[in-house]
Amino acid sequence: MSVREATVDGLKQILRQVAGEVDGVDLDGDILDRTFEELGYDSLALLETGARLERALGIKLDDSTLNEVQTPRQLLAAVNEKRATHPDAA
C-alpha cells in the first residue's frame, strides 16, 4: 500500500493501536495542538508511533525529530516534510 502523506486521522489510528486511548481524552476532538503528554502518550508510545509512520510511508525519521516534536501537528509536519523530500519512498 502506498501512502502519500501522514494525516491526522491516520495518526489517531496509530496512536490508538500503539497505546489505546487515555480516559478523559477524546482523540476524535481537535488534538493537533495538544501535547502528547496532555493526550497521555509517553516517549515510548511516540517512538512506536514514529516507527509505524516510517513503515507506512517508507521514510526514516531522525531520533532527534521524535524527541523534539511536542504535538501531533509538529509530528505530522515533520513526517510530511520528510515524505516530500523523499517522493520515491513507499
PDB file of N, CA and C in Angstrom:
ATOM      1  N   MET A   1       0.839  -1.167   0.000  1.00  0.00           N
ATOM      2  CA  MET A   1       0.000   0.000   0.000  1.00  0.00           C
ATOM      3  C   MET A   1       0.891   1.239   0.000  1.00  0.00           C
ATOM      4  N   SER A   2       0.590   2.160  -0.871  1.00  0.00           N
ATOM      5  CA  SER A   2       1.349   3.392  -0.951  1.00  0.00           C
ATOM      6  C   SER A   2       0.565   4.521  -0.297  1.00  0.00           C
ATOM      7  N   VAL A   3       1.195   5.190   0.634  1.00  0.00           N
ATOM      8  CA  VAL A   3       0.570   6.301   1.338  1.00  0.00           C
ATOM      9  C   VAL A   3       1.325   7.563   0.953  1.00  0.00           C
ATOM     10  N   ARG A   4       0.613   8.612   0.576  1.00  0.00           N
ATOM     11  CA  ARG A   4       1.254   9.846   0.121  1.00  0.00           C
ATOM     12  C   ARG A   4       1.665  10.760   1.265  1.00  0.00           C
ATOM     13  N   GLU A   5       0.855  10.847   2.302  1.00  0.00           N
ATOM     14  CA  GLU A   5       1.185  11.734   3.416  1.00  0.00           C
ATOM     15  C   GLU A   5       0.540  11.241   4.695  1.00  0.00           C
ATOM     16  N   ALA A   6       1.103  11.679   5.787  1.00  0.00           N
ATOM     17  CA  ALA A   6       0.527  11.365   7.092  1.00  0.00           C
ATOM     18  C   ALA A   6      -0.616  12.342   7.341  1.00  0.00           C
ATOM     19  N   THR A   7      -1.729  11.819   7.825  1.00  0.00           N
ATOM     20  CA  THR A   7      -2.892  12.645   8.123  1.00  0.00           C
ATOM     21  C   THR A   7      -3.225  12.521   9.599  1.00  0.00           C
ATOM     22  N   VAL A   8      -4.023  13.461  10.082  1.00  0.00           N
ATOM     23  CA  VAL A   8      -4.421  13.408  11.490  1.00  0.00           C
ATOM     24  C   VAL A   8      -5.252  12.154  11.756  1.00  0.00           C
ATOM     25  N   ASP A   9      -6.084  11.745  10.815  1.00  0.00           N
ATOM     26  CA  ASP A   9      -6.881  10.538  11.024  1.00  0.00           C
ATOM     27  C   ASP A   9      -5.996   9.291  11.086  1.00  0.00           C
ATOM     28  N   GLY A  10      -4.999   9.230  10.223  1.00  0.00           N
ATOM     29  CA  GLY A  10      -4.068   8.110  10.267  1.00  0.00           C
ATOM     30  C   GLY A  10      -3.261   8.095  11.555  1.00  0.00           C
ATOM     31  N   LEU A  11      -2.871   9.287  12.008  1.00  0.00           N
ATOM     32  CA  LEU A  11      -2.124   9.389  13.263  1.00  0.00           C
ATOM     33  C   LEU A  11      -2.975   8.945  14.442  1.00  0.00           C
ATOM     34  N   LYS A  12      -4.224   9.356  14.466  1.00  0.00           N
ATOM     35  CA  LYS A  12      -5.126   8.936  15.545  1.00  0.00           C
ATOM     36  C   LYS A  12      -5.262   7.419  15.571  1.00  0.00           C
ATOM     37  N   GLN A  13      -5.378   6.812  14.404  1.00  0.00           N
ATOM     38  CA  GLN A  13      -5.494   5.359  14.326  1.00  0.00           C
ATOM     39  C   GLN A  13      -4.239   4.691  14.892  1.00  0.00           C
ATOM     40  N   ILE A  14      -3.077   5.196  14.520  1.00  0.00           N
ATOM     41  CA  ILE A  14      -1.821   4.631  15.033  1.00  0.00           C
ATOM     42  C   ILE A  14      -1.721   4.821  16.541  1.00  0.00           C
ATOM     43  N   LEU A  15      -2.055   6.007  17.043  1.00  0.00           N
ATOM     44  CA  LEU A  15      -1.994   6.247  18.480  1.00  0.00           C
ATOM     45  C   LEU A  15      -2.879   5.259  19.234  1.00  0.00           C
ATOM     46  N   ARG A  16      -4.055   5.000  18.709  1.00  0.00           N
ATOM     47  CA  ARG A  16      -4.955   4.030  19.367  1.00  0.00           C
ATOM     48  C   ARG A  16      -4.352   2.623  19.342  1.00  0.00           C
ATOM     49  N   GLN A  17      -3.729   2.255  18.241  1.00  0.00           N
ATOM     50  CA  GLN A  17      -3.120   0.930  18.129  1.00  0.00           C
ATOM     51  C   GLN A  17      -1.932   0.790  19.076  1.00  0.00           C
ATOM     52  N   VAL A  18      -1.162   1.836  19.196  1.00  0.00           N
ATOM     53  CA  VAL A  18       0.066   1.804  19.988  1.00  0.00           C
ATOM     54  C   VAL A  18      -0.220   1.759  21.485  1.00  0.00           C
ATOM     55  N   ALA A  19      -1.102   2.647  21.941  1.00  0.00           N
ATOM     56  CA  ALA A  19      -1.273   2.776  23.394  1.00  0.00           C
ATOM     57  C   ALA A  19      -2.713   2.958  23.830  1.00  0.00           C
ATOM     58  N   GLY A  20      -3.645   2.759  22.935  1.00  0.00           N
ATOM     59  CA  GLY A  20      -5.038   2.926  23.311  1.00  0.00           C
ATOM     60  C   GLY A  20      -5.389   4.386  23.493  1.00  0.00           C
ATOM     61  N   GLU A  21      -6.485   4.608  24.189  1.00  0.00           N
ATOM     62  CA  GLU A  21      -6.949   5.961  24.441  1.00  0.00           C
ATOM     63  C   GLU A  21      -7.034   6.173  25.938  1.00  0.00           C
ATOM     64  N   VAL A  22      -6.485   7.270  26.400  1.00  0.00           N
ATOM     65  CA  VAL A  22      -6.461   7.590  27.818  1.00  0.00           C
ATOM     66  C   VAL A  22      -7.840   8.076  28.242  1.00  0.00           C
ATOM     67  N   ASP A  23      -8.287   7.648  29.426  1.00  0.00           N
ATOM     68  CA  ASP A  23      -9.561   8.130  29.962  1.00  0.00           C
ATOM     69  C   ASP A  23      -9.555   9.654  30.018  1.00  0.00           C
ATOM     70  N   GLY A  24     -10.642  10.250  29.566  1.00  0.00           N
ATOM     71  CA  GLY A  24     -10.767  11.700  29.602  1.00  0.00           C
ATOM     72  C   GLY A  24     -10.176  12.406  28.395  1.00  0.00           C
ATOM     73  N   VAL A  25      -9.573  11.654  27.470  1.00  0.00           N
ATOM     74  CA  VAL A  25      -9.003  12.241  26.257  1.00  0.00           C
ATOM     75  C   VAL A  25      -9.811  11.754  25.074  1.00  0.00           C
ATOM     76  N   ASP A  26     -10.326  12.699  24.301  1.00  0.00           N
ATOM     77  CA  ASP A  26     -11.115  12.374  23.116  1.00  0.00           C
ATOM     78  C   ASP A  26     -10.258  12.576  21.880  1.00  0.00           C
ATOM     79  N   LEU A  27      -9.725  11.501  21.344  1.00  0.00           N
ATOM     80  CA  LEU A  27      -8.896  11.611  20.151  1.00  0.00           C
ATOM     81  C   LEU A  27      -9.696  12.060  18.937  1.00  0.00           C
ATOM     82  N   ASP A  28     -11.002  11.945  19.000  1.00  0.00           N
ATOM     83  CA  ASP A  28     -11.816  12.387  17.879  1.00  0.00           C
ATOM     84  C   ASP A  28     -12.005  13.899  17.877  1.00  0.00           C
ATOM     85  N   GLY A  29     -11.604  14.555  18.955  1.00  0.00           N
ATOM     86  CA  GLY A  29     -11.675  16.012  19.032  1.00  0.00           C
ATOM     87  C   GLY A  29     -10.472  16.637  18.350  1.00  0.00           C
ATOM     88  N   ASP A  30     -10.301  17.919  18.563  1.00  0.00           N
ATOM     89  CA  ASP A  30      -9.187  18.660  17.991  1.00  0.00           C
ATOM     90  C   ASP A  30      -7.940  18.421  18.840  1.00  0.00           C
ATOM     91  N   ILE A  31      -7.047  17.583  18.349  1.00  0.00           N
ATOM     92  CA  ILE A  31      -5.850  17.216  19.114  1.00  0.00           C
ATOM     93  C   ILE A  31      -4.569  17.799  18.534  1.00  0.00           C
ATOM     94  N   LEU A  32      -4.647  18.452  17.397  1.00  0.00           N
ATOM     95  CA  LEU A  32      -3.442  18.856  16.684  1.00  0.00           C
ATOM     96  C   LEU A  32      -2.469  19.678  17.520  1.00  0.00           C
ATOM     97  N   ASP A  33      -2.971  20.553  18.373  1.00  0.00           N
ATOM     98  CA  ASP A  33      -2.078  21.426  19.131  1.00  0.00           C
ATOM     99  C   ASP A  33      -1.984  21.074  20.611  1.00  0.00           C
ATOM    100  N   ARG A  34      -2.506  19.931  20.992  1.00  0.00           N
ATOM    101  CA  ARG A  34      -2.340  19.446  22.367  1.00  0.00           C
ATOM    102  C   ARG A  34      -1.048  18.655  22.419  1.00  0.00           C
ATOM    103  N   THR A  35      -0.342  18.736  23.521  1.00  0.00           N
ATOM    104  CA  THR A  35       0.917  17.995  23.615  1.00  0.00           C
ATOM    105  C   THR A  35       0.617  16.498  23.751  1.00  0.00           C
ATOM    106  N   PHE A  36       1.595  15.703  23.342  1.00  0.00           N
ATOM    107  CA  PHE A  36       1.437  14.262  23.506  1.00  0.00           C
ATOM    108  C   PHE A  36       1.271  13.915  24.978  1.00  0.00           C
ATOM    109  N   GLU A  37       1.937  14.672  25.838  1.00  0.00           N
ATOM    110  CA  GLU A  37       1.795  14.451  27.282  1.00  0.00           C
ATOM    111  C   GLU A  37       0.346  14.688  27.717  1.00  0.00           C
ATOM    112  N   GLU A  38      -0.265  15.771  27.242  1.00  0.00           N
ATOM    113  CA  GLU A  38      -1.673  16.049  27.561  1.00  0.00           C
ATOM    114  C   GLU A  38      -2.585  14.937  27.057  1.00  0.00           C
ATOM    115  N   LEU A  39      -2.209  14.350  25.940  1.00  0.00           N
ATOM    116  CA  LEU A  39      -3.010  13.273  25.351  1.00  0.00           C
ATOM    117  C   LEU A  39      -2.762  11.929  26.028  1.00  0.00           C
ATOM    118  N   GLY A  40      -1.754  11.882  26.899  1.00  0.00           N
ATOM    119  CA  GLY A  40      -1.477  10.671  27.650  1.00  0.00           C
ATOM    120  C   GLY A  40      -0.499   9.720  26.991  1.00  0.00           C
ATOM    121  N   TYR A  41       0.297  10.216  26.038  1.00  0.00           N
ATOM    122  CA  TYR A  41       1.249   9.365  25.328  1.00  0.00           C
ATOM    123  C   TYR A  41       2.663   9.733  25.744  1.00  0.00           C
ATOM    124  N   ASP A  42       3.398   8.738  26.229  1.00  0.00           N
ATOM    125  CA  ASP A  42       4.764   8.967  26.678  1.00  0.00           C
ATOM    126  C   ASP A  42       5.754   8.797  25.531  1.00  0.00           C
ATOM    127  N   SER A  43       7.027   8.950  25.829  1.00  0.00           N
ATOM    128  CA  SER A  43       8.058   8.899  24.794  1.00  0.00           C
ATOM    129  C   SER A  43       8.125   7.524  24.123  1.00  0.00           C
ATOM    130  N   LEU A  44       7.868   6.465  24.854  1.00  0.00           N
ATOM    131  CA  LEU A  44       7.882   5.128  24.261  1.00  0.00           C
ATOM    132  C   LEU A  44       6.755   4.983  23.236  1.00  0.00           C
ATOM    133  N   ALA A  45       5.580   5.472  23.578  1.00  0.00           N
ATOM    134  CA  ALA A  45       4.452   5.424  22.634  1.00  0.00           C
ATOM    135  C   ALA A  45       4.757   6.264  21.401  1.00  0.00           C
ATOM    136  N   LEU A  46       5.424   7.390  21.597  1.00  0.00           N
ATOM    137  CA  LEU A  46       5.768   8.245  20.474  1.00  0.00           C
ATOM    138  C   LEU A  46       6.807   7.584  19.567  1.00  0.00           C
ATOM    139  N   LEU A  47       7.767   6.884  20.152  1.00  0.00           N
ATOM    140  CA  LEU A  47       8.751   6.152  19.353  1.00  0.00           C
ATOM    141  C   LEU A  47       8.090   5.062  18.516  1.00  0.00           C
ATOM    142  N   GLU A  48       7.169   4.337  19.107  1.00  0.00           N
ATOM    143  CA  GLU A  48       6.448   3.295  18.365  1.00  0.00           C
ATOM    144  C   GLU A  48       5.578   3.921  17.281  1.00  0.00           C
ATOM    145  N   THR A  49       4.954   5.036  17.587  1.00  0.00           N
ATOM    146  CA  THR A  49       4.156   5.750  16.587  1.00  0.00           C
ATOM    147  C   THR A  49       5.036   6.162  15.412  1.00  0.00           C
ATOM    148  N   GLY A  50       6.215   6.701  15.719  1.00  0.00           N
ATOM    149  CA  GLY A  50       7.150   7.080  14.665  1.00  0.00           C
ATOM    150  C   GLY A  50       7.570   5.896  13.811  1.00  0.00           C
ATOM    151  N   ALA A  51       7.819   4.766  14.438  1.00  0.00           N
ATOM    152  CA  ALA A  51       8.215   3.562  13.702  1.00  0.00           C
ATOM    153  C   ALA A  51       7.103   3.108  12.759  1.00  0.00           C
ATOM    154  N   ARG A  52       5.882   3.184  13.220  1.00  0.00           N
ATOM    155  CA  ARG A  52       4.759   2.784  12.360  1.00  0.00           C
ATOM    156  C   ARG A  52       4.563   3.753  11.199  1.00  0.00           C
ATOM    157  N   LEU A  53       4.756   5.038  11.456  1.00  0.00           N
ATOM    158  CA  LEU A  53       4.677   6.018  10.372  1.00  0.00           C
ATOM    159  C   LEU A  53       5.796   5.782   9.356  1.00  0.00           C
ATOM    160  N   GLU A  54       6.979   5.468   9.839  1.00  0.00           N
ATOM    161  CA  GLU A  54       8.096   5.180   8.941  1.00  0.00           C
ATOM    162  C   GLU A  54       7.773   4.008   8.018  1.00  0.00           C
ATOM    163  N   ARG A  55       7.234   2.943   8.593  1.00  0.00           N
ATOM    164  CA  ARG A  55       6.891   1.771   7.776  1.00  0.00           C
ATOM    165  C   ARG A  55       5.797   2.090   6.765  1.00  0.00           C
ATOM    166  N   ALA A  56       4.793   2.821   7.187  1.00  0.00           N
ATOM    167  CA  ALA A  56       3.665   3.135   6.299  1.00  0.00           C
ATOM    168  C   ALA A  56       4.083   4.054   5.156  1.00  0.00           C
ATOM    169  N   LEU A  57       5.027   4.956   5.433  1.00  0.00           N
ATOM    170  CA  LEU A  57       5.399   5.961   4.442  1.00  0.00           C
ATOM    171  C   LEU A  57       6.732   5.691   3.760  1.00  0.00           C
ATOM    172  N   GLY A  58       7.453   4.690   4.232  1.00  0.00           N
ATOM    173  CA  GLY A  58       8.734   4.363   3.618  1.00  0.00           C
ATOM    174  C   GLY A  58       9.794   5.429   3.834  1.00  0.00           C
ATOM    175  N   ILE A  59       9.792   6.029   5.019  1.00  0.00           N
ATOM    176  CA  ILE A  59      10.759   7.065   5.350  1.00  0.00           C
ATOM    177  C   ILE A  59      11.537   6.660   6.588  1.00  0.00           C
ATOM    178  N   LYS A  60      12.562   7.448   6.904  1.00  0.00           N
ATOM    179  CA  LYS A  60      13.321   7.256   8.140  1.00  0.00           C
ATOM    180  C   LYS A  60      13.370   8.591   8.859  1.00  0.00           C
ATOM    181  N   LEU A  61      12.834   8.612  10.076  1.00  0.00           N
ATOM    182  CA  LEU A  61      12.854   9.823  10.893  1.00  0.00           C
ATOM    183  C   LEU A  61      14.097   9.819  11.771  1.00  0.00           C
ATOM    184  N   ASP A  62      14.691  10.977  11.935  1.00  0.00           N
ATOM    185  CA  ASP A  62      15.815  11.109  12.853  1.00  0.00           C
ATOM    186  C   ASP A  62      15.294  10.970  14.278  1.00  0.00           C
ATOM    187  N   ASP A  63      16.109  10.377  15.142  1.00  0.00           N
ATOM    188  CA  ASP A  63      15.723  10.262  16.550  1.00  0.00           C
ATOM    189  C   ASP A  63      15.439  11.633  17.147  1.00  0.00           C
ATOM    190  N   SER A  64      16.199  12.621  16.736  1.00  0.00           N
ATOM    191  CA  SER A  64      16.001  13.966  17.281  1.00  0.00           C
ATOM    192  C   SER A  64      14.616  14.508  16.926  1.00  0.00           C
ATOM    193  N   THR A  65      14.106  14.139  15.770  1.00  0.00           N
ATOM    194  CA  THR A  65      12.774  14.590  15.375  1.00  0.00           C
ATOM    195  C   THR A  65      11.741  14.098  16.367  1.00  0.00           C
ATOM    196  N   LEU A  66      11.787  12.832  16.702  1.00  0.00           N
ATOM    197  CA  LEU A  66      10.807  12.268  17.629  1.00  0.00           C
ATOM    198  C   LEU A  66      11.000  12.794  19.040  1.00  0.00           C
ATOM    199  N   ASN A  67      12.204  13.193  19.371  1.00  0.00           N
ATOM    200  CA  ASN A  67      12.450  13.772  20.699  1.00  0.00           C
ATOM    201  C   ASN A  67      12.004  15.228  20.781  1.00  0.00           C
ATOM    202  N   GLU A  68      11.964  15.912  19.657  1.00  0.00           N
ATOM    203  CA  GLU A  68      11.667  17.341  19.644  1.00  0.00           C
ATOM    204  C   GLU A  68      10.191  17.671  19.462  1.00  0.00           C
ATOM    205  N   VAL A  69       9.457  16.841  18.731  1.00  0.00           N
ATOM    206  CA  VAL A  69       8.053  17.177  18.483  1.00  0.00           C
ATOM    207  C   VAL A  69       7.254  17.058  19.772  1.00  0.00           C
ATOM    208  N   GLN A  70       6.368  18.006  19.969  1.00  0.00           N
ATOM    209  CA  GLN A  70       5.553  18.031  21.176  1.00  0.00           C
ATOM    210  C   GLN A  70       4.079  17.787  20.897  1.00  0.00           C
ATOM    211  N   THR A  71       3.645  18.044  19.668  1.00  0.00           N
ATOM    212  CA  THR A  71       2.223  17.954  19.335  1.00  0.00           C
ATOM    213  C   THR A  71       2.022  17.125  18.076  1.00  0.00           C
ATOM    214  N   PRO A  72       0.815  16.624  17.880  1.00  0.00           N
ATOM    215  CA  PRO A  72       0.526  15.924  16.628  1.00  0.00           C
ATOM    216  C   PRO A  72       0.782  16.792  15.397  1.00  0.00           C
ATOM    217  N   ARG A  73       0.463  18.091  15.471  1.00  0.00           N
ATOM    218  CA  ARG A  73       0.712  18.972  14.318  1.00  0.00           C
ATOM    219  C   ARG A  73       2.197  18.984  13.962  1.00  0.00           C
ATOM    220  N   GLN A  74       3.058  19.094  14.971  1.00  0.00           N
ATOM    221  CA  GLN A  74       4.501  19.109  14.734  1.00  0.00           C
ATOM    222  C   GLN A  74       4.977  17.780  14.155  1.00  0.00           C
ATOM    223  N   LEU A  75       4.457  16.684  14.661  1.00  0.00           N
ATOM    224  CA  LEU A  75       4.850  15.372  14.151  1.00  0.00           C
ATOM    225  C   LEU A  75       4.416  15.209  12.704  1.00  0.00           C
ATOM    226  N   LEU A  76       3.175  15.555  12.398  1.00  0.00           N
ATOM    227  CA  LEU A  76       2.685  15.431  11.026  1.00  0.00           C
ATOM    228  C   LEU A  76       3.489  16.310  10.068  1.00  0.00           C
ATOM    229  N   ALA A  77       3.824  17.512  10.494  1.00  0.00           N
ATOM    230  CA  ALA A  77       4.620  18.406   9.653  1.00  0.00           C
ATOM    231  C   ALA A  77       6.000  17.811   9.380  1.00  0.00           C
ATOM    232  N   ALA A  78       6.640  17.273  10.411  1.00  0.00           N
ATOM    233  CA  ALA A  78       7.965  16.674  10.248  1.00  0.00           C
ATOM    234  C   ALA A  78       7.905  15.456   9.330  1.00  0.00           C
ATOM    235  N   VAL A  79       6.903  14.622   9.533  1.00  0.00           N
ATOM    236  CA  VAL A  79       6.761  13.410   8.721  1.00  0.00           C
ATOM    237  C   VAL A  79       6.487  13.777   7.266  1.00  0.00           C
ATOM    238  N   ASN A  80       5.579  14.712   7.048  1.00  0.00           N
ATOM    239  CA  ASN A  80       5.233  15.075   5.674  1.00  0.00           C
ATOM    240  C   ASN A  80       6.347  15.841   4.974  1.00  0.00           C
ATOM    241  N   GLU A  81       7.140  16.586   5.735  1.00  0.00           N
ATOM    242  CA  GLU A  81       8.319  17.234   5.138  1.00  0.00           C
ATOM    243  C   GLU A  81       9.319  16.185   4.681  1.00  0.00           C
ATOM    244  N   LYS A  82       9.547  15.193   5.534  1.00  0.00           N
ATOM    245  CA  LYS A  82      10.447  14.096   5.183  1.00  0.00           C
ATOM    246  C   LYS A  82       9.919  13.354   3.950  1.00  0.00           C
ATOM    247  N   ARG A  83       8.631  13.128   3.914  1.00  0.00           N
ATOM    248  CA  ARG A  83       7.991  12.432   2.790  1.00  0.00           C
ATOM    249  C   ARG A  83       8.153  13.231   1.510  1.00  0.00           C
ATOM    250  N   ALA A  84       8.020  14.555   1.594  1.00  0.00           N
ATOM    251  CA  ALA A  84       8.141  15.414   0.417  1.00  0.00           C
ATOM    252  C   ALA A  84       9.553  15.423  -0.126  1.00  0.00           C
ATOM    253  N   THR A  85      10.540  15.257   0.756  1.00  0.00           N
ATOM    254  CA  THR A  85      11.927  15.247   0.313  1.00  0.00           C
ATOM    255  C   THR A  85      12.371  13.877  -0.181  1.00  0.00           C
ATOM    256  N   HIS A  86      11.535  12.878   0.025  1.00  0.00           N
ATOM    257  CA  HIS A  86      11.802  11.525  -0.448  1.00  0.00           C
ATOM    258  C   HIS A  86      10.566  11.003  -1.188  1.00  0.00           C
ATOM    259  N   PRO A  87      10.218  11.589  -2.323  1.00  0.00           N
ATOM    260  CA  PRO A  87       8.967  11.238  -3.010  1.00  0.00           C
ATOM    261  C   PRO A  87       8.913   9.805  -3.536  1.00  0.00           C
ATOM    262  N   ASP A  88      10.051   9.143  -3.661  1.00  0.00           N
ATOM    263  CA  ASP A  88      10.036   7.763  -4.152  1.00  0.00           C
ATOM    264  C   ASP A  88       9.817   6.746  -3.064  1.00  0.00           C
ATOM    265  N   ALA A  89       9.748   7.201  -1.813  1.00  0.00           N
ATOM    266  CA  ALA A  89       9.520   6.277  -0.692  1.00  0.00           C
ATOM    267  C   ALA A  89       8.106   5.734  -0.775  1.00  0.00           C
ATOM    268  N   ALA A  90       7.932   4.544  -0.170  1.00  0.00           N
ATOM    269  CA  ALA A  90       6.649   3.848  -0.157  1.00  0.00           C
ATOM    270  C   ALA A  90       6.163   3.773  -1.545  1.00  0.00           C
TER     271      ALA A  90
END
